[in-house]
Amino acid sequence: QVQLVESGGGLVQAGGSLRLSCAASSDFFPINKMGWYRQSPGRQRELVARITDRGTTNYADSVQGRFIISRDNTKNTVYLQMTRLKPEDTAIYYCWLESNSEYWGQGTQVTVSS
């Protein structure tokens, strides 16, 4: 069974930084893509960033140049370094993983105050 454990959310002022982490525990391999989605009240869940097992990345336009996704395959962990945060980045951030199926974390709250 795949379990995703997220950490690193919190409250930060606009212009600040946060780093999210998501560790996957599983006895099923391989893990293909990993990534982050977010959802704010009244809006649909949206892609933030994804990374393949080979390190290919893609980002939402709204975070391009501010967020960096990275991955440690030896630890089955994906990271999201968020910089120059804006109030509109406020959301619940969900870790996502693609292996034999798709899996989601429980979500971690990120709040950016103006």
N, C-alpha and C. Protein backbone atom coordinates (compact mmCIF):
# COMPACT_ATOMS: atom_id res chain seq x y z
N GLN A 1 0.85 -1.19 0.00
CA GLN A 1 0.00 0.00 0.00
C GLN A 1 0.88 1.23 0.00
N VAL A 2 0.55 2.19 -0.87
CA VAL A 2 1.32 3.42 -0.95
C VAL A 2 0.83 4.41 0.08
N GLN A 3 1.75 4.95 0.82
CA GLN A 3 1.42 6.00 1.78
C GLN A 3 2.29 7.20 1.48
N LEU A 4 1.68 8.38 1.42
CA LEU A 4 2.40 9.62 1.16
C LEU A 4 2.33 10.49 2.41
N VAL A 5 3.49 10.88 2.91
CA VAL A 5 3.57 11.68 4.13
C VAL A 5 4.14 13.04 3.78
N GLU A 6 3.31 14.06 3.94
CA GLU A 6 3.70 15.42 3.58
C GLU A 6 4.13 16.20 4.81
N SER A 7 5.00 17.17 4.58
CA SER A 7 5.41 18.07 5.65
C SER A 7 5.88 19.39 5.05
N GLY A 8 5.94 20.42 5.89
CA GLY A 8 6.52 21.68 5.47
C GLY A 8 5.56 22.82 5.23
N GLY A 9 4.27 22.59 5.34
CA GLY A 9 3.34 23.68 5.15
C GLY A 9 3.37 24.64 6.33
N GLY A 10 2.64 25.74 6.21
CA GLY A 10 2.59 26.69 7.30
C GLY A 10 2.16 28.06 6.85
N LEU A 11 2.42 29.03 7.72
CA LEU A 11 2.05 30.42 7.47
C LEU A 11 3.31 31.22 7.18
N VAL A 12 3.25 32.02 6.13
CA VAL A 12 4.40 32.82 5.75
C VAL A 12 3.91 34.15 5.17
N GLN A 13 4.71 35.16 5.31
CA GLN A 13 4.36 36.46 4.73
C GLN A 13 4.65 36.47 3.23
N ALA A 14 3.94 37.30 2.52
CA ALA A 14 4.18 37.46 1.09
C ALA A 14 5.65 37.80 0.84
N GLY A 15 6.21 37.16 -0.16
CA GLY A 15 7.62 37.32 -0.47
C GLY A 15 8.51 36.30 0.19
N GLY A 16 7.95 35.55 1.12
CA GLY A 16 8.72 34.55 1.84
C GLY A 16 8.83 33.24 1.11
N SER A 17 9.40 32.26 1.79
CA SER A 17 9.67 30.95 1.20
C SER A 17 9.21 29.83 2.13
N LEU A 18 8.88 28.72 1.50
CA LEU A 18 8.56 27.49 2.22
C LEU A 18 9.06 26.32 1.40
N ARG A 19 9.34 25.24 2.08
CA ARG A 19 9.74 24.01 1.39
C ARG A 19 8.83 22.87 1.84
N LEU A 20 8.18 22.27 0.87
CA LEU A 20 7.33 21.11 1.15
C LEU A 20 8.09 19.84 0.83
N SER A 21 7.80 18.80 1.61
CA SER A 21 8.39 17.49 1.37
C SER A 21 7.28 16.44 1.37
N CYS A 22 7.50 15.41 0.59
CA CYS A 22 6.54 14.31 0.55
C CYS A 22 7.32 13.01 0.37
N ALA A 23 7.21 12.15 1.37
CA ALA A 23 7.90 10.87 1.33
C ALA A 23 6.89 9.76 1.04
N ALA A 24 7.23 8.93 0.09
CA ALA A 24 6.36 7.82 -0.28
C ALA A 24 6.90 6.53 0.31
N SER A 25 6.05 5.84 1.01
CA SER A 25 6.42 4.52 1.52
C SER A 25 5.60 3.49 0.75
N SER A 26 6.29 2.57 0.14
CA SER A 26 5.58 1.61 -0.69
C SER A 26 6.43 0.39 -0.91
N ASP A 27 5.77 -0.72 -1.06
CA ASP A 27 6.49 -1.92 -1.47
C ASP A 27 6.23 -2.23 -2.94
N PHE A 28 5.73 -1.20 -3.64
CA PHE A 28 5.48 -1.40 -5.06
C PHE A 28 6.32 -0.43 -5.85
N PHE A 29 7.09 -0.92 -6.76
CA PHE A 29 7.92 -0.10 -7.61
C PHE A 29 7.68 -0.46 -9.06
N PRO A 30 7.95 0.35 -10.03
CA PRO A 30 8.61 1.65 -9.86
C PRO A 30 7.63 2.79 -9.61
N ILE A 31 8.14 3.85 -9.05
CA ILE A 31 7.40 5.09 -8.95
C ILE A 31 7.79 5.94 -10.15
N ASN A 32 6.82 6.32 -10.91
CA ASN A 32 7.08 7.06 -12.14
C ASN A 32 7.13 8.57 -11.85
N LYS A 33 6.01 9.21 -11.95
CA LYS A 33 5.96 10.65 -11.72
C LYS A 33 5.56 10.96 -10.28
N MET A 34 6.06 12.06 -9.78
CA MET A 34 5.65 12.62 -8.49
C MET A 34 5.39 14.10 -8.69
N GLY A 35 4.60 14.65 -7.81
CA GLY A 35 4.32 16.07 -8.00
C GLY A 35 3.46 16.66 -6.91
N TRP A 36 3.04 17.88 -7.16
CA TRP A 36 2.23 18.65 -6.22
C TRP A 36 1.06 19.30 -6.96
N TYR A 37 -0.07 19.23 -6.34
CA TYR A 37 -1.26 19.94 -6.77
C TYR A 37 -1.71 20.82 -5.61
N ARG A 38 -2.59 21.75 -5.89
CA ARG A 38 -3.13 22.58 -4.82
C ARG A 38 -4.60 22.89 -5.07
N GLN A 39 -5.28 23.17 -3.98
CA GLN A 39 -6.69 23.53 -4.07
C GLN A 39 -7.00 24.59 -3.04
N SER A 40 -7.61 25.67 -3.51
CA SER A 40 -8.04 26.74 -2.63
C SER A 40 -9.57 26.74 -2.62
N PRO A 41 -10.17 27.36 -1.59
CA PRO A 41 -11.64 27.32 -1.46
C PRO A 41 -12.34 27.82 -2.71
N GLY A 42 -13.32 27.05 -3.16
CA GLY A 42 -14.11 27.45 -4.30
C GLY A 42 -13.47 27.18 -5.65
N ARG A 43 -12.30 26.58 -5.64
CA ARG A 43 -11.59 26.32 -6.89
C ARG A 43 -11.29 24.84 -7.03
N GLN A 44 -11.09 24.43 -8.26
CA GLN A 44 -10.72 23.04 -8.52
C GLN A 44 -9.25 22.80 -8.18
N ARG A 45 -8.95 21.56 -7.90
CA ARG A 45 -7.57 21.20 -7.67
C ARG A 45 -6.78 21.42 -8.96
N GLU A 46 -5.60 22.01 -8.83
CA GLU A 46 -4.82 22.34 -10.01
C GLU A 46 -3.39 21.87 -9.86
N LEU A 47 -2.77 21.58 -10.98
CA LEU A 47 -1.37 21.18 -10.99
C LEU A 47 -0.49 22.34 -10.59
N VAL A 48 0.49 22.05 -9.72
CA VAL A 48 1.53 23.03 -9.40
C VAL A 48 2.80 22.65 -10.14
N ALA A 49 3.26 21.43 -9.94
CA ALA A 49 4.49 20.98 -10.60
C ALA A 49 4.55 19.46 -10.54
N ARG A 50 5.20 18.88 -11.54
CA ARG A 50 5.42 17.44 -11.57
C ARG A 50 6.83 17.15 -12.03
N ILE A 51 7.32 15.98 -11.65
CA ILE A 51 8.67 15.57 -12.04
C ILE A 51 8.66 14.07 -12.32
N THR A 52 9.31 13.69 -13.41
CA THR A 52 9.40 12.27 -13.76
C THR A 52 10.55 11.61 -13.02
N ASP A 53 10.63 10.31 -13.16
CA ASP A 53 11.71 9.58 -12.52
C ASP A 53 13.07 9.94 -13.11
N ARG A 54 13.07 10.53 -14.28
CA ARG A 54 14.32 10.96 -14.90
C ARG A 54 14.62 12.43 -14.68
N GLY A 55 13.72 13.11 -13.96
CA GLY A 55 14.00 14.49 -13.62
C GLY A 55 13.38 15.53 -14.53
N THR A 56 12.58 15.10 -15.49
CA THR A 56 11.88 16.06 -16.34
C THR A 56 10.77 16.73 -15.54
N THR A 57 10.71 18.04 -15.63
CA THR A 57 9.75 18.79 -14.82
C THR A 57 8.78 19.58 -15.68
N ASN A 58 7.63 19.85 -15.12
CA ASN A 58 6.71 20.82 -15.72
C ASN A 58 6.01 21.55 -14.60
N TYR A 59 5.71 22.82 -14.87
CA TYR A 59 5.16 23.73 -13.87
C TYR A 59 3.91 24.43 -14.40
N ALA A 60 3.06 24.79 -13.47
CA ALA A 60 1.97 25.71 -13.81
C ALA A 60 2.58 27.06 -14.14
N ASP A 61 1.96 27.76 -15.08
CA ASP A 61 2.48 29.08 -15.45
C ASP A 61 2.55 30.02 -14.25
N SER A 62 1.62 29.87 -13.34
CA SER A 62 1.54 30.80 -12.21
C SER A 62 2.70 30.65 -11.22
N VAL A 63 3.42 29.54 -11.28
CA VAL A 63 4.52 29.33 -10.33
C VAL A 63 5.87 29.24 -11.04
N GLN A 64 5.85 29.24 -12.35
CA GLN A 64 7.10 29.14 -13.12
C GLN A 64 8.06 30.25 -12.70
N GLY A 65 9.27 29.88 -12.39
CA GLY A 65 10.28 30.85 -11.98
C GLY A 65 10.30 31.15 -10.49
N ARG A 66 9.28 30.69 -9.78
CA ARG A 66 9.24 30.92 -8.32
C ARG A 66 9.36 29.63 -7.53
N PHE A 67 8.83 28.55 -8.07
CA PHE A 67 8.84 27.25 -7.40
C PHE A 67 9.80 26.31 -8.13
N ILE A 68 10.43 25.45 -7.35
CA ILE A 68 11.29 24.43 -7.93
C ILE A 68 10.92 23.08 -7.33
N ILE A 69 10.66 22.11 -8.20
CA ILE A 69 10.38 20.76 -7.76
C ILE A 69 11.63 19.91 -7.94
N SER A 70 11.87 19.06 -6.97
CA SER A 70 13.02 18.15 -7.06
C SER A 70 12.64 16.82 -6.43
N ARG A 71 13.53 15.87 -6.61
CA ARG A 71 13.16 14.52 -6.21
C ARG A 71 14.41 13.75 -5.81
N ASP A 72 14.29 12.96 -4.76
CA ASP A 72 15.36 12.06 -4.35
C ASP A 72 14.83 10.64 -4.50
N ASN A 73 15.25 9.99 -5.56
CA ASN A 73 14.73 8.65 -5.85
C ASN A 73 15.19 7.61 -4.82
N THR A 74 16.30 7.87 -4.18
CA THR A 74 16.78 6.91 -3.17
C THR A 74 15.90 6.94 -1.92
N LYS A 75 15.20 8.05 -1.73
CA LYS A 75 14.34 8.20 -0.56
C LYS A 75 12.86 8.23 -0.94
N ASN A 76 12.57 8.08 -2.22
CA ASN A 76 11.17 8.16 -2.70
C ASN A 76 10.51 9.44 -2.19
N THR A 77 11.24 10.53 -2.27
CA THR A 77 10.78 11.79 -1.72
C THR A 77 10.79 12.87 -2.80
N VAL A 78 9.75 13.67 -2.79
CA VAL A 78 9.66 14.82 -3.69
C VAL A 78 9.58 16.08 -2.85
N TYR A 79 10.21 17.13 -3.36
CA TYR A 79 10.27 18.40 -2.65
C TYR A 79 9.69 19.51 -3.53
N LEU A 80 9.17 20.53 -2.87
CA LEU A 80 8.74 21.71 -3.59
C LEU A 80 9.28 22.93 -2.85
N GLN A 81 10.27 23.57 -3.44
CA GLN A 81 10.82 24.79 -2.87
C GLN A 81 10.02 25.95 -3.44
N MET A 82 9.37 26.68 -2.56
CA MET A 82 8.50 27.78 -2.98
C MET A 82 9.13 29.09 -2.52
N THR A 83 9.36 29.98 -3.44
CA THR A 83 9.93 31.29 -3.13
C THR A 83 9.04 32.40 -3.66
N ARG A 84 9.28 33.60 -3.19
CA ARG A 84 8.48 34.77 -3.60
C ARG A 84 7.00 34.45 -3.54
N LEU A 85 6.59 33.90 -2.44
CA LEU A 85 5.21 33.48 -2.29
C LEU A 85 4.27 34.67 -2.32
N LYS A 86 3.09 34.42 -2.86
CA LYS A 86 2.05 35.44 -2.99
C LYS A 86 0.81 34.98 -2.25
N PRO A 87 -0.04 35.91 -1.85
CA PRO A 87 -1.28 35.52 -1.18
C PRO A 87 -2.11 34.54 -2.02
N GLU A 88 -2.05 34.66 -3.33
CA GLU A 88 -2.82 33.75 -4.18
C GLU A 88 -2.24 32.34 -4.22
N ASP A 89 -1.10 32.13 -3.62
CA ASP A 89 -0.56 30.78 -3.47
C ASP A 89 -1.19 30.04 -2.29
N THR A 90 -1.97 30.75 -1.51
CA THR A 90 -2.63 30.12 -0.37
C THR A 90 -3.55 29.01 -0.83
N ALA A 91 -3.35 27.82 -0.27
CA ALA A 91 -4.12 26.64 -0.68
C ALA A 91 -3.70 25.45 0.16
N ILE A 92 -4.43 24.38 0.00
CA ILE A 92 -3.97 23.09 0.50
C ILE A 92 -3.16 22.44 -0.62
N TYR A 93 -1.96 22.05 -0.30
CA TYR A 93 -1.07 21.44 -1.28
C TYR A 93 -1.06 19.93 -1.08
N TYR A 94 -1.30 19.22 -2.17
CA TYR A 94 -1.40 17.77 -2.14
C TYR A 94 -0.24 17.13 -2.90
N CYS A 95 0.37 16.19 -2.26
CA CYS A 95 1.38 15.39 -2.93
C CYS A 95 0.69 14.36 -3.83
N TRP A 96 1.29 14.08 -4.97
CA TRP A 96 0.70 13.15 -5.95
C TRP A 96 1.80 12.23 -6.46
N LEU A 97 1.40 11.00 -6.71
CA LEU A 97 2.37 10.01 -7.18
C LEU A 97 1.70 9.11 -8.21
N GLU A 98 2.45 8.79 -9.25
CA GLU A 98 1.97 7.85 -10.27
C GLU A 98 2.88 6.64 -10.27
N SER A 99 2.28 5.49 -10.01
CA SER A 99 3.02 4.24 -10.07
C SER A 99 2.17 3.27 -10.88
N ASN A 100 1.66 2.23 -10.27
CA ASN A 100 0.70 1.38 -10.96
C ASN A 100 -0.66 2.05 -11.04
N SER A 101 -0.85 3.05 -10.21
CA SER A 101 -2.05 3.86 -10.18
C SER A 101 -1.65 5.26 -9.69
N GLU A 102 -2.65 6.07 -9.43
CA GLU A 102 -2.37 7.40 -8.88
C GLU A 102 -2.71 7.42 -7.39
N TYR A 103 -1.88 8.13 -6.64
CA TYR A 103 -2.06 8.20 -5.21
C TYR A 103 -1.93 9.66 -4.76
N TRP A 104 -2.63 9.96 -3.68
CA TRP A 104 -2.65 11.33 -3.16
C TRP A 104 -2.31 11.34 -1.68
N GLY A 105 -1.61 12.42 -1.26
CA GLY A 105 -1.40 12.64 0.15
C GLY A 105 -2.61 13.29 0.78
N GLN A 106 -2.51 13.52 2.08
CA GLN A 106 -3.63 14.09 2.83
C GLN A 106 -3.73 15.60 2.64
N GLY A 107 -2.64 16.21 2.22
CA GLY A 107 -2.65 17.66 2.01
C GLY A 107 -2.00 18.40 3.17
N THR A 108 -1.35 19.50 2.83
CA THR A 108 -0.75 20.36 3.84
C THR A 108 -1.11 21.81 3.52
N GLN A 109 -1.50 22.54 4.53
CA GLN A 109 -1.97 23.91 4.31
C GLN A 109 -0.80 24.86 4.16
N VAL A 110 -0.88 25.69 3.14
CA VAL A 110 0.06 26.80 2.95
C VAL A 110 -0.75 28.08 2.94
N THR A 111 -0.41 28.99 3.84
CA THR A 111 -1.10 30.27 3.93
C THR A 111 -0.09 31.39 3.78
N VAL A 112 -0.35 32.28 2.84
CA VAL A 112 0.54 33.40 2.58
C VAL A 112 -0.22 34.68 2.92
N SER A 113 0.28 35.40 3.90
CA SER A 113 -0.39 36.62 4.33
C SER A 113 0.18 37.82 3.57
N SER A 114 -0.68 38.79 3.35
CA SER A 114 -0.26 39.99 2.59
C SER A 114 0.32 41.05 3.51
